[in-house]
Each structure stands twice: as C-alpha cells, then as structure tokens.
C-alpha cells in the first residue's frame, strides 16, 4: 500500500510532476517544508518507487499547473 500523506514520497513525486519540476526524488519526514527533508541518496528502494509512482500517476493524468 502506498502512503499518500502530505509530504511523503508519493505526494512529493505527484507535486513535482504537477509543477513540472522534473524528477528529483525526495520527501519530508513530516509535513512538507516544515520537517526533515530526505533526498534520493538516503531514500529506500520502496520510497523511490513511491516517489516515481506519484510522479508517473500525475504524468498519466496530465494534471499540470496552469501558469497562464
């Protein structure tokens, strides 16, 4: 089961795709931007898979921020 909590790997991957920031695996131990950041070298294979699942799901849905 994928943890879709705010700040988690799936959420961060989904957000990176939504804002079209590209793939840069990371997540937060707690809430986004107000807790410890975990970057790719310190992520487990499962966390990396969750990040990519979130990123790829949003890419599939093509739900991107409208900057216009």
PDB file of N, CA and C in Angstrom:
ATOM      1  N   UNK A   1       0.840  -1.186   0.000  1.00  0.00           N
ATOM      2  CA  UNK A   1       0.000   0.000   0.000  1.00  0.00           C
ATOM      3  C   UNK A   1       0.884   1.249   0.000  1.00  0.00           C
ATOM      4  N   UNK A   2       0.576   2.187  -0.840  1.00  0.00           N
ATOM      5  CA  UNK A   2       1.348   3.429  -0.962  1.00  0.00           C
ATOM      6  C   UNK A   2       0.829   4.461   0.033  1.00  0.00           C
ATOM      7  N   UNK A   3       1.762   5.088   0.745  1.00  0.00           N
ATOM      8  CA  UNK A   3       1.448   6.158   1.692  1.00  0.00           C
ATOM      9  C   UNK A   3       1.345   7.462   0.913  1.00  0.00           C
ATOM     10  N   UNK A   4       0.148   8.021   0.827  1.00  0.00           N
ATOM     11  CA  UNK A   4      -0.068   9.241   0.052  1.00  0.00           C
ATOM     12  C   UNK A   4      -0.155  10.483   0.941  1.00  0.00           C
ATOM     13  N   UNK A   5       0.396  10.399   2.152  1.00  0.00           N
ATOM     14  CA  UNK A   5       0.305  11.533   3.077  1.00  0.00           C
ATOM     15  C   UNK A   5       1.038  12.748   2.524  1.00  0.00           C
ATOM     16  N   UNK A   6       0.578  13.920   2.947  1.00  0.00           N
ATOM     17  CA  UNK A   6       1.216  15.168   2.527  1.00  0.00           C
ATOM     18  C   UNK A   6       2.663  15.165   2.999  1.00  0.00           C
ATOM     19  N   UNK A   7       3.577  15.383   2.079  1.00  0.00           N
ATOM     20  CA  UNK A   7       4.998  15.402   2.397  1.00  0.00           C
ATOM     21  C   UNK A   7       5.705  14.087   2.135  1.00  0.00           C
ATOM     22  N   UNK A   8       4.947  13.008   1.964  1.00  0.00           N
ATOM     23  CA  UNK A   8       5.530  11.699   1.722  1.00  0.00           C
ATOM     24  C   UNK A   8       6.059  11.562   0.303  1.00  0.00           C
ATOM     25  N   UNK A   9       6.748  10.464   0.003  1.00  0.00           N
ATOM     26  CA  UNK A   9       7.349  10.285  -1.323  1.00  0.00           C
ATOM     27  C   UNK A   9       6.343  10.362  -2.480  1.00  0.00           C
ATOM     28  N   UNK A  10       5.180   9.712  -2.345  1.00  0.00           N
ATOM     29  CA  UNK A  10       4.183   9.745  -3.419  1.00  0.00           C
ATOM     30  C   UNK A  10       3.705  11.169  -3.653  1.00  0.00           C
ATOM     31  N   UNK A  11       3.395  11.865  -2.571  1.00  0.00           N
ATOM     32  CA  UNK A  11       2.923  13.253  -2.649  1.00  0.00           C
ATOM     33  C   UNK A  11       3.949  14.162  -3.306  1.00  0.00           C
ATOM     34  N   UNK A  12       5.207  14.016  -2.937  1.00  0.00           N
ATOM     35  CA  UNK A  12       6.254  14.873  -3.497  1.00  0.00           C
ATOM     36  C   UNK A  12       6.472  14.582  -4.968  1.00  0.00           C
ATOM     37  N   UNK A  13       6.420  13.303  -5.376  1.00  0.00           N
ATOM     38  CA  UNK A  13       6.534  12.968  -6.794  1.00  0.00           C
ATOM     39  C   UNK A  13       5.376  13.542  -7.586  1.00  0.00           C
ATOM     40  N   UNK A  14       4.176  13.411  -7.038  1.00  0.00           N
ATOM     41  CA  UNK A  14       2.991  13.950  -7.687  1.00  0.00           C
ATOM     42  C   UNK A  14       3.107  15.463  -7.832  1.00  0.00           C
ATOM     43  N   UNK A  15       3.576  16.144  -6.788  1.00  0.00           N
ATOM     44  CA  UNK A  15       3.723  17.604  -6.828  1.00  0.00           C
ATOM     45  C   UNK A  15       4.798  18.030  -7.825  1.00  0.00           C
ATOM     46  N   UNK A  16       5.914  17.296  -7.877  1.00  0.00           N
ATOM     47  CA  UNK A  16       6.968  17.655  -8.837  1.00  0.00           C
ATOM     48  C   UNK A  16       6.450  17.588 -10.261  1.00  0.00           C
ATOM     49  N   UNK A  17       5.636  16.572 -10.556  1.00  0.00           N
ATOM     50  CA  UNK A  17       5.046  16.479 -11.892  1.00  0.00           C
ATOM     51  C   UNK A  17       4.046  17.607 -12.110  1.00  0.00           C
ATOM     52  N   UNK A  18       3.175  17.848 -11.137  1.00  0.00           N
ATOM     53  CA  UNK A  18       2.146  18.882 -11.258  1.00  0.00           C
ATOM     54  C   UNK A  18       2.765  20.243 -11.581  1.00  0.00           C
ATOM     55  N   UNK A  19       3.859  20.570 -10.888  1.00  0.00           N
ATOM     56  CA  UNK A  19       4.524  21.856 -11.108  1.00  0.00           C
ATOM     57  C   UNK A  19       5.586  21.780 -12.208  1.00  0.00           C
ATOM     58  N   UNK A  20       5.680  20.628 -12.868  1.00  0.00           N
ATOM     59  CA  UNK A  20       6.607  20.385 -13.981  1.00  0.00           C
ATOM     60  C   UNK A  20       8.050  20.716 -13.594  1.00  0.00           C
ATOM     61  N   UNK A  21       8.435  20.236 -12.409  1.00  0.00           N
ATOM     62  CA  UNK A  21       9.791  20.472 -11.909  1.00  0.00           C
ATOM     63  C   UNK A  21      10.775  19.391 -12.340  1.00  0.00           C
ATOM     64  N   UNK A  22      10.297  18.337 -12.942  1.00  0.00           N
ATOM     65  CA  UNK A  22      11.183  17.237 -13.300  1.00  0.00           C
ATOM     66  C   UNK A  22      11.337  16.276 -12.134  1.00  0.00           C
ATOM     67  N   UNK A  23      12.004  15.178 -12.397  1.00  0.00           N
ATOM     68  CA  UNK A  23      12.179  14.130 -11.388  1.00  0.00           C
ATOM     69  C   UNK A  23      13.380  14.460 -10.500  1.00  0.00           C
ATOM     70  N   UNK A  24      13.118  14.627  -9.214  1.00  0.00           N
ATOM     71  CA  UNK A  24      14.153  14.850  -8.205  1.00  0.00           C
ATOM     72  C   UNK A  24      13.665  14.213  -6.908  1.00  0.00           C
ATOM     73  N   UNK A  25      13.846  12.883  -6.783  1.00  0.00           N
ATOM     74  CA  UNK A  25      13.285  12.161  -5.647  1.00  0.00           C
ATOM     75  C   UNK A  25      13.668  12.765  -4.288  1.00  0.00           C
ATOM     76  N   UNK A  26      12.646  12.930  -3.462  1.00  0.00           N
ATOM     77  CA  UNK A  26      12.801  13.451  -2.108  1.00  0.00           C
ATOM     78  C   UNK A  26      11.462  13.293  -1.395  1.00  0.00           C
ATOM     79  N   UNK A  27      11.483  13.479  -0.097  1.00  0.00           N
ATOM     80  CA  UNK A  27      10.251  13.564   0.680  1.00  0.00           C
ATOM     81  C   UNK A  27      10.576  14.202   2.019  1.00  0.00           C
ATOM     82  N   UNK A  28       9.552  14.447   2.800  1.00  0.00           N
ATOM     83  CA  UNK A  28       9.710  15.039   4.123  1.00  0.00           C
ATOM     84  C   UNK A  28       9.252  14.035   5.173  1.00  0.00           C
ATOM     85  N   UNK A  29       9.942  13.997   6.301  1.00  0.00           N
ATOM     86  CA  UNK A  29       9.583  13.076   7.396  1.00  0.00           C
ATOM     87  C   UNK A  29       8.196  13.393   7.948  1.00  0.00           C
ATOM     88  N   UNK A  30       7.833  14.654   7.909  1.00  0.00           N
ATOM     89  CA  UNK A  30       6.512  15.103   8.361  1.00  0.00           C
ATOM     90  C   UNK A  30       5.893  15.933   7.260  1.00  0.00           C
ATOM     91  N   UNK A  31       5.360  17.087   7.643  1.00  0.00           N
ATOM     92  CA  UNK A  31       4.722  17.972   6.672  1.00  0.00           C
ATOM     93  C   UNK A  31       5.760  18.596   5.740  1.00  0.00           C
ATOM     94  N   UNK A  32       5.337  18.863   4.513  1.00  0.00           N
ATOM     95  CA  UNK A  32       6.224  19.463   3.507  1.00  0.00           C
ATOM     96  C   UNK A  32       6.788  20.790   3.995  1.00  0.00           C
ATOM     97  N   UNK A  33       8.075  20.941   3.814  1.00  0.00           N
ATOM     98  CA  UNK A  33       8.815  22.176   4.075  1.00  0.00           C
ATOM     99  C   UNK A  33       8.902  22.572   5.546  1.00  0.00           C
ATOM    100  N   UNK A  34       8.278  21.823   6.445  1.00  0.00           N
ATOM    101  CA  UNK A  34       8.384  22.167   7.863  1.00  0.00           C
ATOM    102  C   UNK A  34       8.898  20.996   8.692  1.00  0.00           C
ATOM    103  N   UNK A  35       9.486  20.015   8.017  1.00  0.00           N
ATOM    104  CA  UNK A  35      10.086  18.874   8.710  1.00  0.00           C
ATOM    105  C   UNK A  35      11.340  18.444   7.948  1.00  0.00           C
ATOM    106  N   UNK A  36      12.001  17.434   8.458  1.00  0.00           N
ATOM    107  CA  UNK A  36      13.265  16.983   7.879  1.00  0.00           C
ATOM    108  C   UNK A  36      13.091  16.493   6.441  1.00  0.00           C
ATOM    109  N   UNK A  37      13.934  17.010   5.548  1.00  0.00           N
ATOM    110  CA  UNK A  37      13.959  16.612   4.137  1.00  0.00           C
ATOM    111  C   UNK A  37      14.821  15.367   3.976  1.00  0.00           C
ATOM    112  N   UNK A  38      14.332  14.396   3.218  1.00  0.00           N
ATOM    113  CA  UNK A  38      15.095  13.199   2.872  1.00  0.00           C
ATOM    114  C   UNK A  38      15.280  13.226   1.361  1.00  0.00           C
ATOM    115  N   UNK A  39      16.538  13.198   0.907  1.00  0.00           N
ATOM    116  CA  UNK A  39      16.826  13.257  -0.525  1.00  0.00           C
ATOM    117  C   UNK A  39      17.202  11.876  -1.055  1.00  0.00           C
ATOM    118  N   UNK A  40      17.276  11.769  -2.369  1.00  0.00           N
ATOM    119  CA  UNK A  40      17.439  10.484  -3.057  1.00  0.00           C
ATOM    120  C   UNK A  40      18.516   9.568  -2.477  1.00  0.00           C
ATOM    121  N   UNK A  41      19.729  10.053  -2.178  1.00  0.00           N
ATOM    122  CA  UNK A  41      20.746   9.125  -1.668  1.00  0.00           C
ATOM    123  C   UNK A  41      20.354   8.424  -0.361  1.00  0.00           C
ATOM    124  N   UNK A  42      19.443   9.031   0.396  1.00  0.00           N
ATOM    125  CA  UNK A  42      19.035   8.473   1.684  1.00  0.00           C
ATOM    126  C   UNK A  42      17.673   7.794   1.638  1.00  0.00           C
ATOM    127  N   UNK A  43      17.106   7.660   0.441  1.00  0.00           N
ATOM    128  CA  UNK A  43      15.800   7.019   0.295  1.00  0.00           C
ATOM    129  C   UNK A  43      15.960   5.524   0.051  1.00  0.00           C
ATOM    130  N   UNK A  44      15.007   4.745   0.571  1.00  0.00           N
ATOM    131  CA  UNK A  44      14.990   3.307   0.324  1.00  0.00           C
ATOM    132  C   UNK A  44      14.447   3.044  -1.082  1.00  0.00           C
ATOM    133  N   UNK A  45      14.615   1.830  -1.552  1.00  0.00           N
ATOM    134  CA  UNK A  45      14.052   1.456  -2.853  1.00  0.00           C
ATOM    135  C   UNK A  45      12.537   1.629  -2.851  1.00  0.00           C
ATOM    136  N   UNK A  46      11.889   1.311  -1.740  1.00  0.00           N
ATOM    137  CA  UNK A  46      10.434   1.460  -1.640  1.00  0.00           C
ATOM    138  C   UNK A  46      10.031   2.939  -1.710  1.00  0.00           C
ATOM    139  N   UNK A  47      10.759   3.794  -1.027  1.00  0.00           N
ATOM    140  CA  UNK A  47      10.470   5.225  -1.061  1.00  0.00           C
ATOM    141  C   UNK A  47      10.670   5.794  -2.467  1.00  0.00           C
ATOM    142  N   UNK A  48      11.732   5.360  -3.140  1.00  0.00           N
ATOM    143  CA  UNK A  48      11.964   5.793  -4.524  1.00  0.00           C
ATOM    144  C   UNK A  48      10.821   5.338  -5.433  1.00  0.00           C
ATOM    145  N   UNK A  49      10.374   4.109  -5.241  1.00  0.00           N
ATOM    146  CA  UNK A  49       9.267   3.581  -6.048  1.00  0.00           C
ATOM    147  C   UNK A  49       7.990   4.383  -5.801  1.00  0.00           C
ATOM    148  N   UNK A  50       7.738   4.772  -4.547  1.00  0.00           N
ATOM    149  CA  UNK A  50       6.552   5.563  -4.228  1.00  0.00           C
ATOM    150  C   UNK A  50       6.647   6.951  -4.873  1.00  0.00           C
ATOM    151  N   UNK A  51       7.809   7.572  -4.805  1.00  0.00           N
ATOM    152  CA  UNK A  51       8.004   8.880  -5.437  1.00  0.00           C
ATOM    153  C   UNK A  51       7.692   8.777  -6.934  1.00  0.00           C
ATOM    154  N   UNK A  52       8.280   7.790  -7.590  1.00  0.00           N
ATOM    155  CA  UNK A  52       8.081   7.632  -9.038  1.00  0.00           C
ATOM    156  C   UNK A  52       6.639   7.287  -9.373  1.00  0.00           C
ATOM    157  N   UNK A  53       5.972   6.527  -8.511  1.00  0.00           N
ATOM    158  CA  UNK A  53       4.560   6.201  -8.732  1.00  0.00           C
ATOM    159  C   UNK A  53       3.713   7.470  -8.697  1.00  0.00           C
ATOM    160  N   UNK A  54       3.981   8.357  -7.749  1.00  0.00           N
ATOM    161  CA  UNK A  54       3.257   9.624  -7.671  1.00  0.00           C
ATOM    162  C   UNK A  54       3.535  10.496  -8.877  1.00  0.00           C
ATOM    163  N   UNK A  55       4.800  10.570  -9.267  1.00  0.00           N
ATOM    164  CA  UNK A  55       5.193  11.369 -10.431  1.00  0.00           C
ATOM    165  C   UNK A  55       4.512  10.832 -11.693  1.00  0.00           C
ATOM    166  N   UNK A  56       4.628   9.527 -11.899  1.00  0.00           N
ATOM    167  CA  UNK A  56       4.078   8.918 -13.108  1.00  0.00           C
ATOM    168  C   UNK A  56       2.560   8.974 -13.161  1.00  0.00           C
ATOM    169  N   UNK A  57       1.897   8.876 -11.997  1.00  0.00           N
ATOM    170  CA  UNK A  57       0.434   8.971 -11.976  1.00  0.00           C
ATOM    171  C   UNK A  57      -0.008  10.344 -12.469  1.00  0.00           C
ATOM    172  N   UNK A  58       0.653  11.400 -12.003  1.00  0.00           N
ATOM    173  CA  UNK A  58       0.267  12.734 -12.450  1.00  0.00           C
ATOM    174  C   UNK A  58       0.610  12.942 -13.923  1.00  0.00           C
ATOM    175  N   UNK A  59       1.724  12.395 -14.371  1.00  0.00           N
ATOM    176  CA  UNK A  59       2.076  12.486 -15.794  1.00  0.00           C
ATOM    177  C   UNK A  59       0.997  11.812 -16.637  1.00  0.00           C
ATOM    178  N   UNK A  60       0.527  10.665 -16.178  1.00  0.00           N
ATOM    179  CA  UNK A  60      -0.523   9.923 -16.886  1.00  0.00           C
ATOM    180  C   UNK A  60      -1.819  10.739 -16.931  1.00  0.00           C
ATOM    181  N   UNK A  61      -2.149  11.408 -15.838  1.00  0.00           N
ATOM    182  CA  UNK A  61      -3.377  12.205 -15.752  1.00  0.00           C
ATOM    183  C   UNK A  61      -3.225  13.549 -16.472  1.00  0.00           C
ATOM    184  N   UNK A  62      -1.997  13.966 -16.710  1.00  0.00           N
ATOM    185  CA  UNK A  62      -1.676  15.255 -17.330  1.00  0.00           C
ATOM    186  C   UNK A  62      -2.367  16.410 -16.597  1.00  0.00           C
ATOM    187  N   UNK A  63      -2.258  16.360 -15.283  1.00  0.00           N
ATOM    188  CA  UNK A  63      -2.833  17.386 -14.411  1.00  0.00           C
ATOM    189  C   UNK A  63      -1.711  18.350 -14.010  1.00  0.00           C
ATOM    190  N   UNK A  64      -1.458  19.327 -14.857  1.00  0.00           N
ATOM    191  CA  UNK A  64      -0.340  20.242 -14.653  1.00  0.00           C
ATOM    192  C   UNK A  64      -0.824  21.630 -14.261  1.00  0.00           C
ATOM    193  N   UNK A  65      -0.026  22.311 -13.479  1.00  0.00           N
ATOM    194  CA  UNK A  65      -0.318  23.689 -13.080  1.00  0.00           C
ATOM    195  C   UNK A  65      -0.431  24.569 -14.333  1.00  0.00           C
ATOM    196  N   UNK A  66      -1.485  25.359 -14.380  1.00  0.00           N
ATOM    197  CA  UNK A  66      -1.669  26.319 -15.464  1.00  0.00           C
ATOM    198  C   UNK A  66      -0.983  27.608 -15.061  1.00  0.00           C
ATOM    199  N   UNK A  67       0.143  27.892 -15.658  1.00  0.00           N
ATOM    200  CA  UNK A  67       0.933  29.061 -15.315  1.00  0.00           C
ATOM    201  C   UNK A  67       0.445  30.319 -16.039  1.00  0.00           C
ATOM    202  N   UNK A  68      -0.574  30.168 -16.906  1.00  0.00           N
ATOM    203  CA  UNK A  68      -1.051  31.271 -17.724  1.00  0.00           C
ATOM    204  C   UNK A  68      -1.966  32.163 -16.997  1.00  0.00           C
TER     205      UNK A  68
END
